[in-house]
C-alpha cells in the first residue's frame, strides 16, 4: 500500500480542514481538547452538522447515504477530525447497528431504520453485556419468547453506554435454550419507551453517569424487529464486534492525545528543564509515538479491506489491543506530566470554565479522571486477552 498522499488526496485534506474550520463550533472543540463533559445537545449537533454535509456515514455504501470515500479519504477525515477536536460520533447506531442492517437486515428494516440513524431520529444503545456475561457473550440469559406477532423479553443488560439518552436498543436475546449456546441467540431491536423497560444509572468512580443497567420485564417487541433469522444472532453479533473493536482502537483519538501530551511535556518543568528532555520520559514518549505510527498503517489496511467489500478479521483484534494500550499509555503519561495538578475526582473540573490549575491548563484537573475511566478500554468490546485468543485461532490455527 502506498502511504504517500496523492495530489487529489491532499486536496481532499484541505477540503476537510476548511470544513472543520468553518463548521466545528469552537466551544465544542474546547471541551473535547480538554476532556470536559459533552452534553447530549453537543453530540446531536455535531451529528447533524456531518449529516448535512453528507459525511456522517463515511463507511456506508453510497446507496444508503455514504459519501463513497476510499480507504485513504476515511483515514484523512478521521485524522483531521481528531486534530481539530471534534466530538466522537456516538457509534452504536452509525458504526455498529448500521453495518449489521446493511448486511443482514430486510429491505423494510433498511429503508426504515437507516435514514433514522442518519437524521438522528433514533439514538441507539447496545444491549450485549449482562451480569456474568461480559466477555462471554454466548452465555446471555435475557430471554425472548415468541407469542404470536411479538416476542416477550425478560432479563437485564448492563454497562449500557449513554442508555439514558437512547430511545432504541439492539439486544442479544436467547430464543432457544435447547441448543448449543451460540446457536440459540437472536438479534432484536427494542423500543426503550415500551412498557416494562427500566433504565437505572451506574455512577462510575469519576462521578460520571455514562453507563447504565437496563431491565426488561415482559416487554413486547414486534417480530418485525428481529434482524435476520431467529437463532442466528451470534453471527450478526460477531460481525458487529469487528466494527466495534476497530472503533475502540481510536487511532484518531491517540493522534490528538499525542499532540496534547507533547505540548504539556514541553511546558512542564522537571529539574529546571522541560519534561520532554527528561531521558526516561522522552523514551516512553518515543516508544508510544512509534507504536502509534505502526498502528496507523494497520488501520489503513483494515479500512482498505472493508472498502473492498471484506470484513475486518484478526486485524480488528490487533487494532483493539494496540489501540487501547496506546491510549492508556498516553493518558498515563499525561497524568504523570501534570503531576500533583492532575487532581482526581473534582466533579466541577469536568465542566467547561473550571480553571484551578496552577499551570494554566484546563485539562490538568481531568487528567486523573480520564486515566481511571479509560482503564476500561482494554476490557469492553471483548477483553484484550480474548482478542489474543481470536488472533491465535484466526492466524495460527491454535
Protein backbone atom coordinates (compact mmCIF):
# COMPACT_ATOMS: atom_id res chain seq x y z
CA UNK A 1 0.00 0.00 0.00
CA UNK A 2 1.34 3.43 -0.97
CA UNK A 3 1.16 5.61 2.13
CA UNK A 4 2.11 8.83 0.33
CA UNK A 5 -0.88 11.07 -0.33
CA UNK A 6 -1.64 11.88 -3.95
CA UNK A 7 -2.39 15.47 -5.06
CA UNK A 8 -6.09 14.57 -5.07
CA UNK A 9 -5.87 13.25 -1.52
CA UNK A 10 -4.00 16.35 -0.37
CA UNK A 11 -6.75 18.46 -1.92
CA UNK A 12 -9.32 16.42 -0.02
CA UNK A 13 -7.37 17.00 3.21
CA UNK A 14 -7.54 20.75 2.56
CA UNK A 15 -11.28 20.46 1.95
CA UNK A 16 -11.75 18.66 5.28
CA UNK A 17 -9.66 21.26 7.12
CA UNK A 18 -11.69 24.10 5.61
CA UNK A 19 -14.93 22.39 6.54
CA UNK A 20 -13.82 21.83 10.15
CA UNK A 21 -12.60 25.40 10.47
CA UNK A 22 -15.93 26.73 9.25
CA UNK A 23 -18.38 24.29 10.84
CA UNK A 24 -16.88 22.96 14.10
CA UNK A 25 -18.10 25.16 16.99
CA UNK A 26 -15.09 26.41 18.96
CA UNK A 27 -16.75 25.81 22.33
CA UNK A 28 -17.34 22.20 21.34
CA UNK A 29 -13.72 21.72 20.26
CA UNK A 30 -12.54 23.32 23.52
CA UNK A 31 -14.48 20.74 25.52
CA UNK A 32 -13.03 17.85 23.52
CA UNK A 33 -9.43 19.06 23.72
CA UNK A 34 -9.64 19.47 27.49
CA UNK A 35 -11.56 16.30 28.34
CA UNK A 36 -14.65 18.17 29.52
CA UNK A 37 -18.22 16.89 29.52
CA UNK A 38 -20.10 16.90 26.25
CA UNK A 39 -23.84 17.36 26.55
CA UNK A 40 -26.38 15.36 24.61
CA UNK A 41 -27.03 18.53 22.61
CA UNK A 42 -23.33 18.78 21.70
CA UNK A 43 -23.26 15.24 20.35
CA UNK A 44 -26.52 15.67 18.45
CA UNK A 45 -25.38 18.98 16.97
CA UNK A 46 -22.15 17.54 15.55
CA UNK A 47 -24.04 14.51 14.24
CA UNK A 48 -26.40 16.87 12.40
CA UNK A 49 -23.56 19.01 11.01
CA UNK A 50 -21.85 16.00 9.47
CA UNK A 51 -25.11 14.59 8.15
CA UNK A 52 -25.92 17.91 6.49
CA UNK A 53 -22.58 17.75 4.66
CA UNK A 54 -23.10 14.08 3.73
CA UNK A 55 -20.01 12.97 5.64
CA UNK A 56 -21.63 11.25 8.63
CA UNK A 57 -21.81 7.62 7.46
CA UNK A 58 -18.45 7.64 5.70
CA UNK A 59 -18.14 3.83 5.93
CA UNK A 60 -21.61 3.09 4.49
CA UNK A 61 -22.21 2.31 0.81
CA UNK A 62 -23.35 5.27 -1.27
CA UNK A 63 -26.77 3.73 -1.87
CA UNK A 64 -27.51 4.01 1.85
CA UNK A 65 -26.15 7.52 2.37
CA UNK A 66 -22.37 7.09 2.43
CA UNK A 67 -20.10 9.59 0.62
CA UNK A 68 -18.32 6.95 -1.47
CA UNK A 69 -14.90 7.55 0.05
CA UNK A 70 -11.91 5.29 -0.34
CA UNK A 71 -9.73 4.00 2.49
CA UNK A 72 -7.29 6.91 2.42
CA UNK A 73 -10.07 9.50 2.43
CA UNK A 74 -11.59 7.91 5.53
CA UNK A 75 -8.18 7.90 7.19
CA UNK A 76 -7.59 11.56 6.35
CA UNK A 77 -11.02 12.57 7.62
CA UNK A 78 -10.64 10.76 10.96
CA UNK A 79 -7.12 12.11 11.40
CA UNK A 80 -8.12 15.73 10.74
CA UNK A 81 -11.21 15.45 12.95
CA UNK A 82 -9.05 14.23 15.83
CA UNK A 83 -6.55 17.06 15.46
CA UNK A 84 -9.36 19.62 15.24
CA UNK A 85 -11.04 18.32 18.41
CA UNK A 86 -14.35 17.10 17.06
CA UNK A 87 -16.71 15.15 19.34
CA UNK A 88 -16.83 11.41 18.92
CA UNK A 89 -19.83 10.37 16.87
CA UNK A 90 -21.93 8.08 19.08
CA UNK A 91 -21.12 4.76 17.40
CA UNK A 92 -23.98 2.47 18.36
CA UNK A 93 -26.38 3.28 15.55
CA UNK A 94 -23.96 4.54 12.94
CA UNK A 95 -20.93 2.27 13.27
CA UNK A 96 -22.41 -0.87 14.84
CA UNK A 97 -26.08 -1.39 14.01
CA UNK A 98 -25.89 0.30 10.61
CA UNK A 99 -23.42 -2.18 9.07
CA UNK A 100 -25.40 -5.12 10.53
CA UNK A 101 -28.65 -3.89 8.98
CA UNK A 102 -26.95 -3.22 5.66
CA UNK A 103 -25.59 -6.77 5.52
CA UNK A 104 -28.30 -8.81 7.27
CA UNK A 105 -31.42 -6.66 7.61
CA UNK A 106 -34.52 -6.91 5.46
CA UNK A 107 -35.23 -4.26 2.85
CA UNK A 108 -38.04 -2.95 5.05
CA UNK A 109 -35.66 -2.62 8.01
CA UNK A 110 -33.04 -0.86 5.91
CA UNK A 111 -35.48 1.61 4.40
CA UNK A 112 -36.95 2.45 7.82
CA UNK A 113 -34.05 2.38 10.29
CA UNK A 114 -31.06 3.59 8.25
CA UNK A 115 -32.50 7.05 7.42
CA UNK A 116 -33.48 7.45 11.09
CA UNK A 117 -29.90 6.72 12.14
CA UNK A 118 -28.65 9.40 9.75
CA UNK A 119 -31.14 12.12 10.65
CA UNK A 120 -30.84 11.50 14.38
CA UNK A 121 -34.47 10.46 14.87
CA UNK A 122 -33.24 7.45 16.87
CA UNK A 123 -30.48 7.33 19.48
CA UNK A 124 -29.33 3.73 19.78
CA UNK A 125 -27.56 1.95 22.62
CA UNK A 126 -26.11 -1.55 22.85
CA UNK A 127 -27.64 -4.44 24.82
CA UNK A 128 -24.89 -7.05 24.84
CA UNK A 129 -23.30 -7.32 28.30
CA UNK A 130 -25.15 -8.81 31.24
CA UNK A 131 -24.14 -9.54 34.84
CA UNK A 132 -21.94 -12.60 34.37
CA UNK A 133 -22.00 -12.29 30.57
CA UNK A 134 -19.41 -9.71 29.64
CA UNK A 135 -16.60 -11.16 27.56
CA UNK A 136 -18.54 -14.45 27.40
CA UNK A 137 -21.44 -13.16 25.34
CA UNK A 138 -22.58 -16.65 24.43
CA UNK A 139 -23.86 -17.04 28.00
CA UNK A 140 -26.51 -14.28 27.73
CA UNK A 141 -29.62 -15.07 29.76
CA UNK A 142 -32.07 -12.37 28.64
CA UNK A 143 -34.89 -14.32 27.01
CA UNK A 144 -37.27 -13.57 24.15
CA UNK A 145 -40.24 -15.93 23.90
CA UNK A 146 -42.40 -15.76 20.79
CA UNK A 147 -46.07 -15.02 21.40
CA UNK A 148 -47.90 -14.54 18.12
CA UNK A 149 -46.54 -11.46 16.37
CA UNK A 150 -44.44 -10.38 19.36
CA UNK A 151 -41.55 -11.55 21.46
CA UNK A 152 -41.86 -11.24 25.24
CA UNK A 153 -38.46 -10.14 26.58
CA UNK A 154 -37.27 -10.61 30.16
CA UNK A 155 -33.80 -10.05 31.58
CA UNK A 156 -31.12 -7.47 32.28
CA UNK A 157 -28.36 -5.70 30.37
CA UNK A 158 -25.52 -3.76 32.00
CA UNK A 159 -22.77 -1.25 31.17
CA UNK A 160 -25.17 0.27 28.65
CA UNK A 161 -23.26 3.34 27.49
CA UNK A 162 -25.36 6.52 27.13
CA UNK A 163 -28.51 4.46 27.56
CA UNK A 164 -30.03 7.37 29.49
CA UNK A 165 -30.23 9.27 26.18
CA UNK A 166 -31.36 6.40 23.96
CA UNK A 167 -34.83 5.64 22.67
CA UNK A 168 -33.76 2.36 20.98
CA UNK A 169 -31.55 -0.56 21.99
CA UNK A 170 -30.30 -3.51 19.92
CA UNK A 171 -30.09 -6.64 22.05
CA UNK A 172 -28.76 -10.15 22.05
CA UNK A 173 -31.53 -12.35 23.44
CA UNK A 174 -31.88 -16.07 24.00
CA UNK A 175 -34.63 -17.60 21.88
CA UNK A 176 -33.68 -21.28 22.24
CA UNK A 177 -32.27 -22.97 25.35
CA UNK A 178 -32.19 -26.47 23.89
CA UNK A 179 -29.25 -25.98 21.55
CA UNK A 180 -25.59 -25.03 21.86
CA UNK A 181 -25.31 -21.59 23.50
CA UNK A 182 -24.20 -19.71 20.38
CA UNK A 183 -26.96 -21.28 18.29
CA UNK A 184 -29.84 -20.10 20.46
CA UNK A 185 -29.25 -16.33 20.31
CA UNK A 186 -31.21 -13.77 18.28
CA UNK A 187 -30.62 -10.10 17.44
CA UNK A 188 -33.58 -7.92 18.41
CA UNK A 189 -34.38 -4.18 18.12
CA UNK A 190 -36.26 -2.84 21.15
CA UNK A 191 -38.05 0.48 21.64
CA UNK A 192 -36.96 1.70 25.08
CA UNK A 193 -40.26 3.52 25.57
CA UNK A 194 -42.08 0.17 25.63
CA UNK A 195 -43.75 -0.65 28.98
CA UNK A 196 -41.51 -2.88 31.08
CA UNK A 197 -38.18 -1.25 30.11
CA UNK A 198 -36.37 0.39 33.04
CA UNK A 199 -33.03 2.25 32.91
CA UNK A 200 -31.00 2.65 36.10
CA UNK A 201 -27.81 4.74 36.22
CA UNK A 202 -24.38 3.40 37.18
CA UNK A 203 -22.21 6.19 38.58
CA UNK A 204 -18.52 5.49 37.93
CA UNK A 205 -15.53 6.39 40.10
CA UNK A 206 -15.10 9.76 38.40
CA UNK A 207 -18.65 10.72 39.35
CA UNK A 208 -19.89 10.40 35.78
CA UNK A 209 -23.20 8.96 34.58
CA UNK A 210 -22.02 7.34 31.37
CA UNK A 211 -23.24 3.76 31.77
CA UNK A 212 -26.46 2.13 32.92
CA UNK A 213 -28.35 -1.04 33.74
CA UNK A 214 -31.38 -1.83 31.61
CA UNK A 215 -34.12 -4.16 32.89
CA UNK A 216 -36.76 -5.88 30.75
CA UNK A 217 -39.96 -7.14 32.37
CA UNK A 218 -42.47 -8.75 29.99
CA UNK A 219 -41.52 -6.30 27.23
CA UNK A 220 -43.47 -6.84 23.99
CA UNK A 221 -41.31 -6.48 20.88
CA UNK A 222 -42.75 -6.90 17.35
CA UNK A 223 -41.43 -9.90 15.45
CA UNK A 224 -40.69 -7.43 12.63
CA UNK A 225 -37.86 -6.10 14.84
CA UNK A 226 -35.93 -9.38 14.57
CA UNK A 227 -32.81 -8.84 12.45
CA UNK A 228 -32.05 -11.73 10.12
CA UNK A 229 -33.13 -15.19 11.22
CA UNK A 230 -34.14 -16.39 14.65
CA UNK A 231 -31.28 -18.13 16.50
CA UNK A 232 -28.69 -16.74 14.07
CA UNK A 233 -27.90 -13.67 16.16
CA UNK A 234 -24.45 -14.91 17.15
CA UNK A 235 -23.32 -14.49 13.53
CA UNK A 236 -24.59 -10.91 13.46
CA UNK A 237 -23.10 -10.17 16.88
CA UNK A 238 -19.62 -11.23 15.76
CA UNK A 239 -19.91 -9.14 12.61
CA UNK A 240 -20.86 -6.10 14.69
CA UNK A 241 -17.99 -6.67 17.12
CA UNK A 242 -15.39 -6.41 14.37
CA UNK A 243 -16.60 -2.86 13.74
CA UNK A 244 -16.81 -2.06 17.45
CA UNK A 245 -13.24 -3.22 18.07
CA UNK A 246 -11.89 -1.16 15.20
CA UNK A 247 -13.72 1.86 16.60
CA UNK A 248 -12.43 1.23 20.14
CA UNK A 249 -8.86 1.35 18.81
CA UNK A 250 -9.38 5.09 18.43
CA UNK A 251 -6.45 5.91 16.16
CA UNK A 252 -7.62 9.49 15.74
CA UNK A 253 -8.03 9.97 19.48
CA UNK A 254 -4.48 8.72 20.02
CA UNK A 255 -3.12 11.15 17.41
CA UNK A 256 -4.80 14.05 19.21
CA UNK A 257 -3.70 12.69 22.59
CA UNK A 258 -0.08 12.53 21.48
CA UNK A 259 -0.17 16.15 20.28
CA UNK A 260 -1.62 17.23 23.63
CA UNK A 261 0.99 15.25 25.57
CA UNK A 262 3.86 16.81 23.63
CA UNK A 263 2.60 20.32 24.35
CA UNK A 264 2.32 19.59 28.07
CA UNK A 265 5.72 17.89 28.24
CA UNK A 266 7.35 20.91 26.61
CA UNK A 267 5.71 23.29 29.07
CA UNK A 268 6.11 21.44 32.37
CA UNK A 269 9.48 21.86 34.09
CA UNK A 270 11.47 18.97 35.59
CA UNK A 271 14.75 19.76 37.36
CA UNK A 272 14.97 23.11 35.60
CA UNK A 273 14.31 21.86 32.08
CA UNK A 274 11.25 20.78 30.04
CA UNK A 275 9.89 17.36 30.95
CA UNK A 276 10.24 16.34 27.30
CA UNK A 277 14.04 16.50 27.78
CA UNK A 278 13.99 14.04 30.67
CA UNK A 279 15.57 10.82 29.31
CA UNK A 280 13.14 8.39 30.92
CA UNK A 281 10.03 10.36 29.97
CA UNK A 282 11.37 11.03 26.47
CA UNK A 283 11.99 7.31 25.95
CA UNK A 284 8.39 6.41 26.87
CA UNK A 285 7.12 9.22 24.67
CA UNK A 286 9.18 8.00 21.72
CA UNK A 287 8.02 4.41 22.15
CA UNK A 288 4.33 5.29 22.20
CA UNK A 289 4.78 7.50 19.13
CA UNK A 290 6.46 4.66 17.22
CA UNK A 291 3.65 2.29 18.22
CA UNK A 292 1.09 4.83 17.04
CA UNK A 293 2.75 5.22 13.64
CA UNK A 294 2.70 1.45 13.19
CA UNK A 295 -0.96 1.33 14.19
CA UNK A 296 -1.84 3.97 11.60
CA UNK A 297 -0.61 1.61 8.89
CA UNK A 298 -2.64 -1.29 10.28
CA UNK A 299 -5.69 0.96 10.47
CA UNK A 300 -5.30 1.82 6.78
CA UNK A 301 -5.12 -1.88 5.93
CA UNK A 302 -8.37 -2.59 7.79
CA UNK A 303 -10.17 0.37 6.20
CA UNK A 304 -8.96 -0.74 2.76
CA UNK A 305 -10.21 -4.29 3.37
CA UNK A 306 -13.67 -3.03 4.33
CA UNK A 307 -13.77 -0.64 1.37
CA UNK A 308 -13.01 -3.60 -0.89
CA UNK A 309 -16.02 -5.50 0.40
CA UNK A 310 -14.22 -7.50 3.06
CA UNK A 311 -14.84 -7.81 6.78
CA UNK A 312 -12.23 -6.88 9.39
CA UNK A 313 -10.83 -10.11 10.80
CA UNK A 314 -7.82 -10.63 13.03
CA UNK A 315 -6.69 -7.12 12.16
CA UNK A 316 -9.59 -5.63 14.14
CA UNK A 317 -8.43 -7.58 17.18
CA UNK A 318 -4.86 -6.37 16.65
CA UNK A 319 -6.10 -2.80 16.41
CA UNK A 320 -8.17 -3.22 19.53
CA UNK A 321 -5.22 -4.49 21.56
CA UNK A 322 -2.62 -1.99 20.40
CA UNK A 323 -5.07 0.89 20.16
CA UNK A 324 -6.26 0.54 23.73
CA UNK A 325 -2.73 0.03 25.05
CA UNK A 326 -1.55 3.17 23.27
CA UNK A 327 -4.46 5.29 24.50
CA UNK A 328 -3.92 4.08 28.06
CA UNK A 329 -0.20 4.82 27.88
CA UNK A 330 -0.85 8.32 26.55
CA UNK A 331 -3.26 9.04 29.39
CA UNK A 332 -0.81 7.61 31.90
CA UNK A 333 1.99 9.84 30.62
CA UNK A 334 -0.30 12.88 30.60
CA UNK A 335 -1.27 12.25 34.21
CA UNK A 336 2.40 11.91 35.16
CA UNK A 337 3.26 15.08 33.29
CA UNK A 338 0.56 17.04 35.12
CA UNK A 339 1.89 15.74 38.42
CA UNK A 340 0.00 16.92 41.52
CA UNK A 341 -2.17 19.18 39.35
CA UNK A 342 -3.87 16.14 37.85
CA UNK A 343 -6.27 16.16 40.78
CA UNK A 344 -8.79 13.31 40.58
CA UNK A 345 -12.45 13.28 41.50
CA UNK A 346 -13.17 17.01 41.32
CA UNK A 347 -16.64 16.90 39.81
CA UNK A 348 -16.61 20.60 38.91
CA UNK A 349 -13.45 20.03 36.85
CA UNK A 350 -15.48 18.19 34.24
CA UNK A 351 -17.49 21.33 33.50
CA UNK A 352 -16.42 23.95 30.96
CA UNK A 353 -14.92 27.04 32.59
CA UNK A 354 -13.18 25.32 35.52
CA UNK A 355 -9.63 26.66 35.78
CA UNK A 356 -7.92 25.89 39.07
CA UNK A 357 -4.71 24.51 37.61
CA UNK A 358 -1.54 26.42 38.58
CA UNK A 359 -0.05 25.51 35.21
CA UNK A 360 -2.97 27.17 33.47
CA UNK A 361 -4.22 24.07 31.73
CA UNK A 362 -7.90 23.21 31.97
CA UNK A 363 -7.12 19.60 31.11
CA UNK A 364 -4.97 19.15 34.23
CA UNK A 365 -7.96 18.74 36.51
CA UNK A 366 -9.45 16.00 34.30
CA UNK A 367 -6.24 14.07 33.61
CA UNK A 368 -6.58 11.62 36.50
CA UNK A 369 -10.31 11.11 35.96
CA UNK A 370 -9.69 10.28 32.30
CA UNK A 371 -6.83 7.96 33.19
CA UNK A 372 -9.00 5.92 35.56
CA UNK A 373 -12.07 5.96 33.31
CA UNK A 374 -10.18 4.67 30.29
CA UNK A 375 -8.77 1.65 32.08
CA UNK A 376 -11.98 0.10 30.74
CA UNK A 377 -10.76 0.32 27.13
CA UNK A 378 -8.83 -2.94 27.32
CA UNK A 379 -11.87 -4.73 28.79
CA UNK A 380 -15.01 -3.79 26.87
CA UNK A 381 -15.66 -4.92 23.31
CA UNK A 382 -14.02 -8.20 24.28
CA UNK A 383 -11.05 -8.02 26.65
CA UNK A 384 -7.56 -7.84 25.18
CA UNK A 385 -6.92 -11.37 26.47
CA UNK A 386 -9.91 -12.56 24.44
CA UNK A 387 -8.54 -10.72 21.38
CA UNK A 388 -5.24 -12.58 21.68
CA UNK A 389 -7.15 -15.87 21.62
CA UNK A 390 -9.03 -14.73 18.50
CA UNK A 391 -5.76 -13.82 16.77
CA UNK A 392 -4.28 -17.21 17.68
CA UNK A 393 -7.24 -19.07 16.21
CA UNK A 394 -7.59 -16.98 13.04
CA UNK A 395 -3.92 -16.68 12.11
CA UNK A 396 -2.09 -19.54 13.83
CA UNK A 397 -4.95 -22.04 13.85
CA UNK A 398 -4.44 -22.75 17.54
